[in-house]
Protein backbone atom coordinates (compact mmCIF):
# COMPACT_ATOMS: atom_id res chain seq x y z
CA MET A 1 -56.74 -109.82 138.72
CA ASP A 2 -59.26 -108.22 140.86
CA TYR A 3 -60.01 -104.55 139.99
CA GLU A 4 -61.30 -101.65 142.23
CA CYS A 5 -61.77 -98.91 139.68
CA ILE A 6 -62.19 -100.59 136.34
CA MET A 7 -64.27 -103.46 134.91
CA THR A 8 -62.89 -105.92 132.09
CA GLU A 9 -64.81 -108.42 129.89
CA VAL A 10 -64.18 -110.22 126.52
CA ARG A 11 -66.64 -110.07 123.64
CA GLY A 12 -66.49 -111.15 120.03
CA GLU A 13 -68.01 -113.42 117.34
CA SER A 14 -64.51 -113.90 115.25
CA ALA A 15 -61.43 -116.03 115.84
CA LEU A 16 -59.86 -112.68 117.61
CA LYS A 17 -61.95 -111.20 120.34
CA THR A 18 -62.40 -107.72 121.79
CA GLY A 19 -61.30 -106.79 125.32
CA LEU A 20 -63.42 -104.13 126.77
CA ILE A 21 -62.36 -102.08 129.66
CA THR A 22 -64.77 -99.84 131.71
CA LEU A 23 -63.74 -97.14 133.99
CA ASN A 24 -65.62 -97.54 137.15
CA ARG A 25 -65.59 -94.77 139.50
CA PRO A 26 -69.13 -93.39 139.25
CA LYS A 27 -69.19 -91.21 142.22
CA GLN A 28 -66.09 -89.41 141.13
CA MET A 29 -67.33 -89.07 137.46
CA ASN A 30 -64.35 -91.63 136.64
CA ALA A 31 -61.68 -89.09 137.92
CA LEU A 32 -58.34 -90.49 137.31
CA ASN A 33 -56.31 -91.53 140.30
CA ASP A 34 -53.30 -93.78 140.83
CA ARG A 35 -55.25 -96.79 141.54
CA LEU A 36 -57.16 -96.66 138.34
CA MET A 37 -54.38 -95.83 136.19
CA ASP A 38 -52.39 -98.60 137.46
CA GLU A 39 -55.24 -100.78 136.86
CA LEU A 40 -55.92 -99.44 133.33
CA GLY A 41 -52.24 -100.06 132.36
CA ALA A 42 -52.29 -103.75 133.85
CA ALA A 43 -55.60 -104.39 131.91
CA LEU A 44 -54.22 -102.91 128.52
CA LEU A 45 -51.21 -104.86 128.85
CA ALA A 46 -52.92 -108.13 129.85
CA PHE A 47 -55.33 -107.70 126.81
CA ASP A 48 -52.18 -106.86 124.43
CA ALA A 49 -50.39 -110.13 125.60
CA ASP A 50 -53.27 -112.10 124.99
CA ASP A 51 -53.05 -113.79 121.54
CA GLY A 52 -56.86 -114.31 121.28
CA ILE A 53 -57.59 -110.51 121.65
CA GLY A 54 -57.37 -108.40 118.49
CA CYS A 55 -58.45 -104.93 119.65
CA ILE A 56 -59.28 -103.06 122.95
CA ILE A 57 -62.04 -100.79 123.83
CA VAL A 58 -61.73 -98.23 126.58
CA THR A 59 -64.89 -96.74 127.81
CA GLY A 60 -66.74 -95.06 130.80
CA SER A 61 -70.25 -94.22 131.70
CA GLU A 62 -73.04 -92.35 129.95
CA LYS A 63 -72.21 -89.33 132.08
CA ALA A 64 -68.47 -89.44 131.93
CA PHE A 65 -65.64 -91.05 130.13
CA ALA A 66 -63.39 -89.48 132.51
CA ALA A 67 -63.96 -86.03 134.19
CA GLY A 68 -60.02 -85.51 134.53
CA ALA A 69 -57.31 -86.47 137.10
CA ASP A 70 -58.42 -86.70 140.54
CA ILE A 71 -57.87 -83.15 141.86
CA ALA A 72 -58.26 -84.31 145.70
CA ALA A 73 -55.55 -86.64 145.04
CA MET A 74 -53.07 -84.01 143.60
CA ALA A 75 -54.17 -80.80 145.38
CA THR A 76 -51.60 -80.94 148.39
CA LEU A 77 -48.66 -82.15 146.34
CA GLY A 78 -45.58 -80.15 146.28
CA HIS A 79 -43.02 -79.93 143.45
CA MET A 80 -40.69 -82.52 144.85
CA ASP A 81 -43.64 -84.62 145.83
CA ALA A 82 -44.82 -84.83 142.25
CA TRP A 83 -41.43 -85.22 140.63
CA LYS A 84 -40.25 -87.89 143.03
CA ALA A 85 -43.35 -90.03 142.83
CA GLY A 86 -43.27 -89.56 139.15
CA TYR A 87 -46.83 -88.31 139.02
CA ILE A 88 -48.41 -89.05 135.73
CA SER A 89 -45.24 -90.03 134.01
CA ARG A 90 -45.08 -93.38 136.27
CA ASN A 91 -48.39 -94.81 134.95
CA TRP A 92 -50.26 -92.65 132.64
CA GLU A 93 -48.59 -93.71 129.17
CA THR A 94 -48.64 -97.29 129.51
CA ILE A 95 -51.31 -97.24 126.72
CA ARG A 96 -48.30 -96.17 124.48
CA GLN A 97 -46.68 -99.42 124.85
CA VAL A 98 -49.90 -101.50 123.51
CA LYS A 99 -49.31 -102.62 119.97
CA LYS A 100 -53.02 -103.50 119.24
CA PRO A 101 -55.59 -101.12 118.41
CA VAL A 102 -57.20 -99.21 121.24
CA ILE A 103 -60.76 -97.67 120.69
CA ALA A 104 -62.04 -94.82 122.85
CA ALA A 105 -65.85 -94.96 123.25
CA VAL A 106 -66.38 -91.58 124.88
CA ALA A 107 -69.88 -90.51 126.23
CA GLY A 108 -70.30 -87.64 128.39
CA PHE A 109 -67.45 -85.66 129.78
CA ALA A 110 -63.76 -86.27 128.67
CA LEU A 111 -61.92 -83.43 130.30
CA GLY A 112 -58.25 -82.89 131.50
CA GLY A 113 -56.84 -86.41 131.86
CA GLY A 114 -59.85 -87.86 130.40
CA CYS A 115 -59.44 -85.98 127.15
CA GLU A 116 -55.76 -86.76 127.21
CA VAL A 117 -56.43 -90.86 127.59
CA ALA A 118 -58.85 -90.49 124.64
CA MET A 119 -56.15 -88.75 122.50
CA MET A 120 -53.71 -91.59 123.31
CA CYS A 121 -56.13 -94.04 121.82
CA ASP A 122 -56.08 -94.88 118.13
CA ILE A 123 -59.70 -94.44 117.20
CA VAL A 124 -62.08 -92.20 119.09
CA LEU A 125 -65.73 -92.69 118.89
CA ALA A 126 -67.93 -89.97 120.50
CA ALA A 127 -71.46 -90.33 121.51
CA ASP A 128 -73.72 -87.29 120.58
CA ASN A 129 -73.44 -86.19 124.33
CA ALA A 130 -69.66 -86.12 124.56
CA LYS A 131 -67.84 -82.99 125.54
CA PHE A 132 -64.10 -82.60 125.39
CA GLY A 133 -61.80 -80.22 127.13
CA GLN A 134 -58.50 -79.33 128.83
CA PRO A 135 -59.64 -76.93 131.77
CA GLU A 136 -56.34 -77.04 133.59
CA ILE A 137 -55.68 -73.40 133.11
CA LYS A 138 -58.65 -72.89 135.37
CA LEU A 139 -56.90 -74.54 138.07
CA GLY A 140 -53.66 -72.44 137.61
CA ILE A 141 -51.83 -75.29 136.05
CA VAL A 142 -51.25 -76.80 132.54
CA PRO A 143 -52.05 -80.35 131.05
CA GLY A 144 -49.59 -83.13 132.33
CA ALA A 145 -50.44 -85.89 130.32
CA GLY A 146 -49.93 -84.60 126.72
CA GLY A 147 -52.77 -82.13 126.36
CA THR A 148 -50.52 -79.21 124.92
CA GLN A 149 -48.84 -81.74 122.43
CA ARG A 150 -51.49 -83.93 121.22
CA LEU A 151 -54.26 -81.48 121.03
CA PRO A 152 -52.67 -79.22 118.55
CA ARG A 153 -51.52 -82.23 116.51
CA ALA A 154 -55.36 -83.32 116.54
CA VAL A 155 -57.10 -80.12 115.98
CA GLY A 156 -54.53 -77.63 114.54
CA LYS A 157 -52.90 -74.65 116.71
CA ALA A 158 -55.74 -72.15 116.56
CA LYS A 159 -58.33 -74.67 118.03
CA ALA A 160 -55.88 -75.99 120.47
CA MET A 161 -54.96 -72.30 121.72
CA ASP A 162 -58.65 -71.44 121.99
CA MET A 163 -59.42 -74.39 124.18
CA LEU A 164 -56.20 -74.57 126.30
CA LEU A 165 -56.06 -70.93 127.13
CA THR A 166 -59.82 -70.51 127.88
CA GLY A 167 -60.50 -74.03 129.26
CA ARG A 168 -63.84 -74.05 127.46
CA MET A 169 -65.42 -77.48 126.28
CA MET A 170 -66.26 -78.68 122.66
CA GLY A 171 -69.31 -80.71 121.88
CA ALA A 172 -69.10 -83.90 119.81
CA GLU A 173 -69.85 -82.14 116.60
CA GLU A 174 -67.31 -79.58 117.00
CA ALA A 175 -64.90 -82.29 118.02
CA GLU A 176 -65.58 -84.05 114.86
CA ARG A 177 -65.23 -81.04 112.62
CA ALA A 178 -61.89 -80.22 114.14
CA GLY A 179 -60.60 -83.80 113.81
CA LEU A 180 -60.47 -84.67 117.40
CA VAL A 181 -62.94 -87.79 117.01
CA SER A 182 -63.40 -90.20 114.23
CA ARG A 183 -67.08 -90.08 114.04
CA ILE A 184 -70.34 -89.41 116.10
CA VAL A 185 -72.63 -92.08 117.34
CA PRO A 186 -75.87 -92.00 119.22
CA LEU A 187 -75.52 -92.54 122.73
CA ALA A 188 -77.59 -95.86 122.89
CA GLY A 189 -75.51 -97.31 120.18
CA LEU A 190 -72.02 -96.12 121.23
CA LEU A 191 -70.69 -99.33 122.45
CA ASP A 192 -72.30 -101.48 119.64
CA GLU A 193 -70.51 -99.24 117.12
CA ALA A 194 -67.18 -99.58 118.93
CA PHE A 195 -67.65 -103.42 119.01
CA ALA A 196 -68.63 -103.39 115.24
CA THR A 197 -65.44 -101.39 114.46
CA ALA A 198 -63.46 -103.81 116.55
CA GLU A 199 -64.93 -106.74 114.66
CA LEU A 200 -63.97 -105.29 111.30
CA ILE A 201 -60.37 -104.89 112.59
CA ASN A 202 -60.30 -108.43 114.00
CA ALA A 203 -61.14 -109.87 110.62
CA LEU A 204 -57.96 -108.43 109.07
CA GLY A 205 -54.44 -109.56 109.55
CA ALA A 206 -52.96 -108.64 112.89
CA PRO A 207 -49.43 -108.26 111.77
CA SER A 208 -50.40 -105.61 109.30
CA ILE A 209 -52.79 -103.81 111.72
CA ALA A 210 -50.33 -103.63 114.33
CA LEU A 211 -47.55 -102.06 112.15
CA THR A 212 -50.03 -99.62 110.51
CA LYS A 213 -50.59 -98.48 113.96
CA GLU A 214 -47.05 -98.26 114.45
CA LEU A 215 -46.28 -96.25 111.28
CA VAL A 216 -49.19 -93.76 111.81
CA ASN A 217 -47.96 -92.99 115.14
CA GLU A 218 -44.40 -92.41 113.57
CA ALA A 219 -46.03 -89.92 111.43
CA PHE A 220 -46.67 -87.71 114.44
CA GLU A 221 -43.40 -88.06 115.89
CA SER A 222 -40.81 -87.83 112.86
CA GLY A 223 -40.35 -86.00 109.68
CA LEU A 224 -42.00 -87.01 106.23
CA SER A 225 -38.74 -88.37 104.92
CA SER A 226 -37.89 -90.65 107.77
CA GLY A 227 -41.65 -91.73 108.15
CA VAL A 228 -41.85 -92.80 104.40
CA LYS A 229 -38.62 -94.72 104.87
CA ALA A 230 -40.05 -96.59 107.90
CA GLU A 231 -43.32 -97.32 105.93
CA ARG A 232 -41.42 -98.65 102.95
CA ARG A 233 -39.44 -101.09 105.36
CA VAL A 234 -42.56 -102.25 106.79
CA PHE A 235 -44.02 -102.62 103.43
CA HIS A 236 -41.31 -104.75 102.24
CA SER A 237 -41.33 -106.90 105.60
CA LEU A 238 -45.02 -107.76 105.12
CA PHE A 239 -44.11 -109.72 102.14
CA GLY A 240 -42.71 -112.42 104.36
CA THR A 241 -46.03 -113.12 106.17
CA GLU A 242 -48.55 -115.72 105.46
CA ASP A 243 -51.28 -113.04 105.81
CA GLN A 244 -49.80 -111.26 102.60
CA ARG A 245 -49.93 -114.39 100.70
CA GLU A 246 -53.58 -115.24 101.94
CA GLY A 247 -54.89 -111.71 101.20
CA MET A 248 -53.36 -111.36 97.53
CA ASP A 249 -54.40 -114.91 96.80
CA ALA A 250 -57.86 -114.40 97.89
CA PHE A 251 -58.09 -110.97 96.00
CA LEU A 252 -57.14 -112.88 92.76
CA ALA A 253 -59.37 -115.60 93.35
CA LYS A 254 -62.20 -113.24 94.20
CA ARG A 255 -62.80 -114.72 97.56
CA LYS A 256 -62.81 -113.58 101.34
CA PRO A 257 -59.36 -113.98 102.76
CA ALA A 258 -59.00 -116.29 105.81
CA PHE A 259 -56.14 -114.29 107.57
CA LYS A 260 -54.06 -116.56 110.17
CA HIS A 261 -52.49 -113.37 111.91
CA ARG A 262 -48.81 -114.44 111.16
């Protein structure tokens, strides 16, 4: 598929490769419009359906992961226009359908929709120049892609209120302390670290990786009791996989496992 607003490639040394999606609207600081979000969703689903891909990385430029939703594209919308078109709800959460791990490699600005897309990913690696924020309040609106819901879950109510009600940005160090990002990486090594992380994941058993992701997401959307029950069911089910037998046999034999991803 030919893309206008993103670039894709595949890299990797192991049997399972890593799909890279680069947001590519440099003049607009990767502002997220309908075309870009359609393309991002298509690329994510294509990599997810590819048995040769184990992990997906989403990144932007050194200046901006994504500076927010494209304001020029929505400034003239009325209430019914936005509702009938399914603005945001139509194509922004395709990422939630992806079973494979998605790593956000964030450099520069991740604001508004850019911050929300990063929060939809499973691991967020931040370059030391990264800045996160939900500045929608300055436009007379609120976040529309989960900012008021995912940010409190990531950083707690006090920090989320501080950011959402003032529109201020937080730098990489504050974001790491608050729990918004997994770790900070020097800008020059951001993609290398993202690929190294993906390689570690790709070397493990794909069924247990996908189900671990599903269970952690379940923890944010259900109570403790139901979450533990779901975990137990998945735990038991994995004893029916070849990877479980290989992993435990390798441990007992003190050798490296050779997972078959089944």
